[in-house]
Amino acid sequence: MLAIDDERPALDELSYLLRADDRVAEVISCPSATEGLRILREREVDCVFLDVQMPGLSGLELAEVLGRFKQPPPVVFVTAHEQHAVDAFDLRAVDYVLKPVRAERLAEAVRRVLGGASPQPPSSDTQVAVERGGVTRFVERGDITHVEAQGDYARLHTTGGEAYLVRVPLTSLEEEWAEAGFHRIHRSLLVALAHVTEVRTEAGRTSVRIGATELPVSRRHTRGLRDVLVRRARAGR
């Protein structure tokens, strides 16, 4: 395993946690993406654990370079910045671990690397596990008003105004949550029908309101939305 971070305390902590994992045979540490690239050109590694924001060559830039290797190594981003998650998975990162790094969360990233496993979609239970700032929280699905696609991620918007990223494609959530009343209104949007307060059509364009939020409905999905709302109204829901 190769660990890259320009901040020495963070690099030392990451290297220590990786070495403490019995599945990891060797850990190479380096303080810059440029030096890491030199190492990767000289030898093969099982995975690169990589910070995002570094001076000179950034982690995202290094991952883009590695993607052009004949056999690119798996990449796990380890960063304090949640907003880079979509870019990271566009580069086919195996995982995205937020700092401060917890041993159990890093162990899960190692499992995904060694097992080639992808994270599973949220279960169909009423609670959804989400992670923010290294802390796992459980959000009631009934509190989710709409879901927005962001690359390989989906952003869950809640009644409290908070939003959470989960690494699940929107198509998976559409299938998983259809019976719970989530309906596709746009190629990048699902809405919880129970939270829709208004459907509006102006100048041939349709939108829905969820509280103070207005969301566009694509022409492709307009008729389907109206049909499902009519059926729900007739059923007395």
Protein backbone atom coordinates (compact mmCIF):
# COMPACT_ATOMS: atom_id res chain seq x y z
CA MET A 1 0.00 0.00 0.00
CA LEU A 2 1.16 3.54 -0.77
CA ALA A 3 0.02 6.39 1.50
CA ILE A 4 0.38 9.97 0.23
CA ASP A 5 -0.32 13.11 2.25
CA ASP A 6 1.59 16.40 2.46
CA GLU A 7 0.69 16.87 6.15
CA ARG A 8 3.10 14.79 8.22
CA PRO A 9 0.77 14.12 11.22
CA ALA A 10 -1.99 12.95 8.89
CA LEU A 11 0.45 10.80 6.90
CA ASP A 12 1.86 9.23 10.06
CA GLU A 13 -1.63 8.45 11.38
CA LEU A 14 -2.78 6.96 8.09
CA SER A 15 0.37 4.84 7.79
CA TYR A 16 0.03 3.66 11.39
CA LEU A 17 -3.58 2.57 10.90
CA LEU A 18 -2.77 0.76 7.67
CA ARG A 19 0.18 -1.08 9.25
CA ALA A 20 -2.08 -2.11 12.16
CA ASP A 21 -4.32 -3.97 9.70
CA ASP A 22 -3.25 -7.63 9.45
CA ARG A 23 -4.29 -7.71 5.78
CA VAL A 24 -1.71 -5.06 4.85
CA ALA A 25 1.78 -6.48 4.27
CA GLU A 26 3.68 -3.25 3.58
CA VAL A 27 3.03 0.49 3.72
CA ILE A 28 5.12 3.04 1.84
CA SER A 29 4.68 6.65 2.96
CA CYS A 30 5.48 9.74 0.93
CA PRO A 31 4.71 13.45 1.44
CA SER A 32 3.74 14.51 -2.10
CA ALA A 33 1.86 13.32 -5.14
CA THR A 34 4.91 13.99 -7.29
CA GLU A 35 7.06 11.65 -5.22
CA GLY A 36 4.23 9.14 -5.15
CA LEU A 37 4.08 9.16 -8.94
CA ARG A 38 7.81 8.45 -9.10
CA ILE A 39 7.36 5.46 -6.78
CA LEU A 40 4.42 4.16 -8.82
CA ARG A 41 6.45 4.30 -12.00
CA GLU A 42 9.15 2.17 -10.38
CA ARG A 43 7.06 -0.47 -8.63
CA GLU A 44 3.57 -1.90 -8.31
CA VAL A 45 1.44 -1.35 -5.22
CA ASP A 46 -1.86 -2.90 -4.16
CA CYS A 47 -3.53 0.46 -3.59
CA VAL A 48 -2.88 4.19 -3.25
CA PHE A 49 -4.37 5.98 -0.23
CA LEU A 50 -4.32 9.57 -1.35
CA ASP A 51 -5.05 13.04 0.03
CA VAL A 52 -6.91 15.39 -2.32
CA GLN A 53 -5.54 18.86 -1.67
CA MET A 54 -1.75 19.00 -1.88
CA PRO A 55 0.64 21.62 -3.25
CA GLY A 56 1.92 21.03 -6.75
CA LEU A 57 0.31 17.91 -8.17
CA SER A 58 -3.04 17.39 -6.40
CA GLY A 59 -4.52 14.05 -5.47
CA LEU A 60 -7.22 14.32 -8.13
CA GLU A 61 -4.58 15.13 -10.76
CA LEU A 62 -2.47 12.17 -9.69
CA ALA A 63 -5.49 9.86 -9.89
CA GLU A 64 -6.16 11.12 -13.41
CA VAL A 65 -2.57 10.29 -14.39
CA LEU A 66 -2.82 6.84 -12.83
CA GLY A 67 -5.98 6.19 -14.83
CA ARG A 68 -3.81 6.21 -17.95
CA PHE A 69 -1.52 3.48 -16.61
CA LYS A 70 -1.79 0.12 -18.39
CA GLN A 71 -2.74 -1.42 -15.03
CA PRO A 72 -3.78 1.46 -12.76
CA PRO A 73 -3.69 0.74 -9.03
CA PRO A 74 -6.90 1.11 -7.00
CA VAL A 75 -7.22 4.55 -5.39
CA VAL A 76 -8.79 5.47 -2.06
CA PHE A 77 -9.06 9.18 -1.31
CA VAL A 78 -8.49 10.22 2.29
CA THR A 79 -9.44 13.85 2.82
CA ALA A 80 -11.17 16.36 5.06
CA HIS A 81 -13.09 17.82 2.11
CA GLU A 82 -16.43 16.16 1.35
CA GLN A 83 -17.10 18.32 -1.71
CA HIS A 84 -14.57 16.45 -3.86
CA ALA A 85 -16.41 13.13 -3.62
CA VAL A 86 -18.15 13.37 -6.98
CA ASP A 87 -14.90 14.20 -8.80
CA ALA A 88 -13.19 11.35 -6.99
CA PHE A 89 -15.67 8.72 -8.12
CA ASP A 90 -15.68 10.13 -11.64
CA LEU A 91 -12.02 8.98 -11.53
CA ARG A 92 -13.22 5.52 -10.45
CA ALA A 93 -11.92 5.71 -6.89
CA VAL A 94 -12.64 2.60 -4.82
CA ASP A 95 -13.57 4.62 -1.75
CA TYR A 96 -13.62 8.11 -0.22
CA VAL A 97 -12.67 8.30 3.46
CA LEU A 98 -13.19 11.51 5.42
CA LYS A 99 -10.74 12.80 8.01
CA PRO A 100 -10.30 12.40 10.89
CA VAL A 101 -9.79 8.80 9.86
CA ARG A 102 -11.35 6.14 12.07
CA ALA A 103 -9.73 2.70 12.21
CA GLU A 104 -12.97 0.86 11.45
CA ARG A 105 -13.73 3.11 8.47
CA LEU A 106 -10.24 2.62 7.04
CA ALA A 107 -10.59 -1.14 7.57
CA GLU A 108 -13.73 -1.03 5.43
CA ALA A 109 -11.81 0.77 2.68
CA VAL A 110 -9.12 -1.93 2.79
CA ARG A 111 -11.82 -4.59 2.55
CA ARG A 112 -13.22 -2.95 -0.56
CA VAL A 113 -9.77 -2.77 -2.13
CA LEU A 114 -8.79 -6.37 -1.41
CA GLY A 115 -12.20 -7.84 -2.09
CA GLY A 116 -13.06 -5.73 -5.10
CA ALA A 117 -16.43 -5.07 -3.48
CA SER A 118 -18.55 -2.06 -4.20
CA PRO A 119 -20.56 -0.35 -1.48
CA GLN A 120 -24.10 -1.66 -1.32
CA PRO A 121 -27.17 0.53 -1.75
CA PRO A 122 -28.99 1.64 1.37
CA SER A 123 -31.34 -1.04 2.64
CA SER A 124 -35.07 -0.88 2.14
CA ASP A 125 -35.55 -0.38 5.90
CA THR A 126 -36.88 2.93 7.18
CA GLN A 127 -33.43 4.22 8.18
CA VAL A 128 -30.58 5.12 5.85
CA ALA A 129 -26.97 5.09 7.04
CA VAL A 130 -25.07 8.20 5.93
CA GLU A 131 -21.55 9.38 6.74
CA ARG A 132 -20.44 12.93 7.37
CA GLY A 133 -17.19 14.08 8.90
CA GLY A 134 -16.22 10.51 9.74
CA VAL A 135 -19.42 9.98 11.74
CA THR A 136 -22.13 7.55 10.62
CA ARG A 137 -25.67 8.80 11.18
CA PHE A 138 -29.06 7.23 10.56
CA VAL A 139 -31.61 9.29 8.66
CA GLU A 140 -35.26 8.35 8.55
CA ARG A 141 -36.24 7.70 4.95
CA GLY A 142 -39.56 9.43 5.63
CA ASP A 143 -37.62 12.65 6.27
CA ILE A 144 -36.02 12.57 2.81
CA THR A 145 -37.80 14.98 0.48
CA HIS A 146 -35.86 14.44 -2.73
CA VAL A 147 -32.70 12.87 -4.09
CA GLU A 148 -30.28 14.45 -6.53
CA ALA A 149 -27.83 12.51 -8.70
CA GLN A 150 -24.18 13.54 -8.48
CA GLY A 151 -22.01 11.16 -10.49
CA ASP A 152 -21.78 7.80 -8.71
CA TYR A 153 -23.23 9.51 -5.65
CA ALA A 154 -26.73 10.57 -4.67
CA ARG A 155 -27.40 13.58 -2.47
CA LEU A 156 -30.27 13.06 -0.03
CA HIS A 157 -32.19 16.22 0.92
CA THR A 158 -34.18 16.18 4.15
CA THR A 159 -37.04 18.08 5.76
CA GLY A 160 -34.55 19.71 8.13
CA GLY A 161 -32.68 21.29 5.22
CA GLU A 162 -29.65 19.02 5.59
CA ALA A 163 -28.14 17.04 2.71
CA TYR A 164 -26.08 13.86 2.76
CA LEU A 165 -24.02 12.10 0.10
CA VAL A 166 -24.29 8.35 -0.32
CA ARG A 167 -22.36 6.32 -2.87
CA VAL A 168 -25.36 4.86 -4.65
CA PRO A 169 -26.52 5.50 -8.24
CA LEU A 170 -29.87 7.21 -8.57
CA THR A 171 -31.20 4.27 -10.61
CA SER A 172 -30.58 1.93 -7.66
CA LEU A 173 -32.51 4.19 -5.29
CA GLU A 174 -35.31 4.50 -7.83
CA GLU A 175 -35.74 0.72 -7.79
CA GLU A 176 -35.19 0.31 -4.04
CA TRP A 177 -37.51 3.09 -2.93
CA ALA A 178 -40.31 2.95 -5.51
CA GLU A 179 -42.66 1.22 -3.07
CA ALA A 180 -41.90 3.91 -0.48
CA GLY A 181 -43.30 6.59 -2.81
CA PHE A 182 -40.16 7.92 -4.48
CA HIS A 183 -40.71 8.84 -8.12
CA ARG A 184 -38.36 9.94 -10.89
CA ILE A 185 -39.18 13.42 -12.23
CA HIS A 186 -35.94 14.14 -14.07
CA ARG A 187 -32.88 12.18 -15.14
CA SER A 188 -31.13 13.56 -12.05
CA LEU A 189 -34.00 13.82 -9.55
CA LEU A 190 -36.23 11.60 -7.43
CA VAL A 191 -38.94 13.10 -5.25
CA ALA A 192 -40.80 11.70 -2.26
CA LEU A 193 -44.41 12.08 -3.40
CA ALA A 194 -45.59 12.48 0.18
CA HIS A 195 -43.64 15.74 0.41
CA VAL A 196 -44.88 17.26 -2.88
CA THR A 197 -47.10 20.22 -2.04
CA GLU A 198 -47.72 21.59 -5.52
CA VAL A 199 -47.42 20.72 -9.22
CA ARG A 200 -47.18 23.72 -11.51
CA THR A 201 -47.18 24.06 -15.31
CA GLU A 202 -46.20 27.36 -16.93
CA ALA A 203 -45.25 27.99 -20.56
CA GLY A 204 -45.24 24.27 -21.19
CA ARG A 205 -42.80 23.53 -18.36
CA THR A 206 -43.76 21.55 -15.28
CA SER A 207 -42.27 21.76 -11.81
CA VAL A 208 -43.07 20.50 -8.33
CA ARG A 209 -42.75 22.29 -5.03
CA ILE A 210 -41.56 20.70 -1.83
CA GLY A 211 -41.95 23.39 0.78
CA ALA A 212 -40.01 26.38 -0.53
CA THR A 213 -38.01 24.27 -2.99
CA GLU A 214 -39.06 24.14 -6.65
CA LEU A 215 -37.80 21.24 -8.76
CA PRO A 216 -38.05 20.83 -12.55
CA VAL A 217 -39.98 17.95 -14.11
CA SER A 218 -38.67 16.84 -17.49
CA ARG A 219 -41.16 16.48 -20.33
CA ARG A 220 -40.34 12.79 -20.47
CA HIS A 221 -41.50 12.30 -16.87
CA THR A 222 -44.39 14.78 -16.70
CA ARG A 223 -47.18 12.40 -17.70
CA GLY A 224 -45.92 9.63 -15.43
CA LEU A 225 -45.82 12.02 -12.48
CA ARG A 226 -49.38 13.20 -13.06
CA ASP A 227 -50.62 9.63 -13.43
CA VAL A 228 -49.05 8.48 -10.19
CA LEU A 229 -50.34 11.53 -8.29
CA VAL A 230 -53.86 10.88 -9.59
CA ARG A 231 -53.66 7.23 -8.49
CA ARG A 232 -52.47 8.26 -5.04
CA ALA A 233 -55.29 10.78 -4.72
CA ARG A 234 -57.90 8.17 -5.73
CA ALA A 235 -56.44 5.76 -3.19
CA GLY A 236 -56.92 8.41 -0.52
CA ARG A 237 -53.25 8.74 0.27
